[in-house]
Amino acid sequence: MGTIVISGTVVLVVLGFGNHLYWLAAAALLFVYVQYGRGASSASSSGGAAPSGSAPATYKAYRDRRDRQAKWERRYRRERPLEARRQAREKSR
């Protein structure tokens, strides 16, 4: 991802010699990458809930999230037994 951002920035800077708005676009691209790209993963895990795709920081956080998920799945099966059975049948195929 970083290579794509850097190469895109270089292209925008080169194009910026003809149209200065491309330099603005390059600066915006770098800003967005720094704010929400690679550096954001370590900053966001310390505050609040972690993104669903990332691994939890500690084993306790993993257990808490796993138990919370299991609780929701049990509740779903209890409240919607027909849908739960249908989903189980489709999953076993």
Protein backbone atom coordinates (compact mmCIF):
# COMPACT_ATOMS: atom_id res chain seq x y z
CA MET A 1 0.00 0.00 0.00
CA GLY A 2 2.80 2.40 0.85
CA THR A 3 4.47 1.82 -2.51
CA ILE A 4 1.27 2.70 -4.34
CA VAL A 5 0.84 5.90 -2.33
CA ILE A 6 4.45 6.96 -2.88
CA SER A 7 4.34 6.26 -6.61
CA GLY A 8 0.99 8.05 -6.89
CA THR A 9 2.44 11.04 -5.08
CA VAL A 10 5.47 11.12 -7.38
CA VAL A 11 3.21 11.02 -10.44
CA LEU A 12 1.07 13.83 -9.06
CA VAL A 13 4.14 15.94 -8.30
CA VAL A 14 5.50 15.44 -11.82
CA LEU A 15 2.11 16.33 -13.30
CA GLY A 16 2.02 19.33 -10.96
CA PHE A 17 4.57 21.19 -13.06
CA GLY A 18 1.84 21.66 -15.67
CA ASN A 19 -1.11 22.12 -13.31
CA HIS A 20 -0.50 23.16 -9.70
CA LEU A 21 -3.70 21.49 -8.50
CA TYR A 22 -1.92 18.14 -8.83
CA TRP A 23 0.52 19.27 -6.12
CA LEU A 24 -2.46 19.93 -3.90
CA ALA A 25 -3.78 16.46 -4.71
CA ALA A 26 -0.38 14.94 -3.85
CA ALA A 27 -0.34 16.73 -0.51
CA ALA A 28 -3.91 15.57 0.21
CA LEU A 29 -2.98 11.98 -0.70
CA LEU A 30 -0.04 12.01 1.68
CA PHE A 31 -2.14 13.59 4.42
CA VAL A 32 -4.88 10.95 4.08
CA TYR A 33 -2.31 8.15 4.05
CA VAL A 34 -0.59 9.46 7.18
CA GLN A 35 -3.89 10.03 9.01
CA TYR A 36 -5.75 6.85 8.08
CA GLY A 37 -3.14 4.57 6.54
CA ARG A 38 -0.32 2.63 8.12
CA GLY A 39 0.06 4.79 11.26
CA ALA A 40 -3.64 4.66 12.17
CA SER A 41 -3.64 0.96 13.13
CA SER A 42 -1.54 1.44 16.27
CA ALA A 43 -3.37 4.61 17.31
CA SER A 44 -6.89 3.25 16.91
CA SER A 45 -6.31 0.04 18.87
CA SER A 46 -5.58 1.96 22.06
CA GLY A 47 -8.88 3.83 22.06
CA GLY A 48 -12.20 2.05 21.96
CA ALA A 49 -13.08 -0.96 19.87
CA ALA A 50 -10.54 -2.26 17.41
CA PRO A 51 -11.49 -2.75 13.76
CA SER A 52 -13.02 -6.13 13.05
CA GLY A 53 -10.14 -7.29 10.86
CA SER A 54 -7.33 -6.58 13.32
CA ALA A 55 -6.02 -8.93 15.97
CA PRO A 56 -6.69 -7.98 19.60
CA ALA A 57 -3.78 -6.57 21.56
CA THR A 58 -3.98 -9.05 24.44
CA TYR A 59 -5.34 -12.50 25.05
CA LYS A 60 -7.85 -11.05 27.49
CA ALA A 61 -9.19 -8.74 24.78
CA TYR A 62 -9.44 -11.74 22.46
CA ARG A 63 -11.37 -13.75 25.05
CA ASP A 64 -13.70 -10.85 25.78
CA ARG A 65 -14.48 -10.36 22.10
CA ARG A 66 -14.90 -14.11 21.54
CA ASP A 67 -17.26 -14.44 24.50
CA ARG A 68 -19.28 -11.42 23.39
CA GLN A 69 -19.61 -12.89 19.89
CA ALA A 70 -20.68 -16.27 21.29
CA LYS A 71 -23.28 -14.55 23.45
CA TRP A 72 -24.78 -12.81 20.41
CA GLU A 73 -24.79 -16.04 18.42
CA ARG A 74 -26.61 -17.92 21.19
CA ARG A 75 -29.15 -15.11 21.45
CA TYR A 76 -29.68 -15.15 17.67
CA ARG A 77 -30.25 -18.93 17.66
CA ARG A 78 -32.65 -18.67 20.57
CA GLU A 79 -34.70 -15.80 19.07
CA ARG A 80 -34.69 -17.06 15.45
CA PRO A 81 -34.59 -20.88 15.54
CA LEU A 82 -35.84 -21.40 11.97
CA GLU A 83 -33.30 -19.04 10.44
CA ALA A 84 -30.53 -20.53 12.55
CA ARG A 85 -31.40 -24.06 11.37
CA ARG A 86 -31.56 -22.91 7.73
CA GLN A 87 -28.16 -21.24 8.04
CA ALA A 88 -26.70 -24.36 9.64
CA ARG A 89 -28.03 -26.50 6.77
CA GLU A 90 -26.56 -24.12 4.17
CA LYS A 91 -23.24 -24.05 5.98
CA SER A 92 -23.01 -27.86 6.04
CA ARG A 93 -23.47 -28.16 2.26
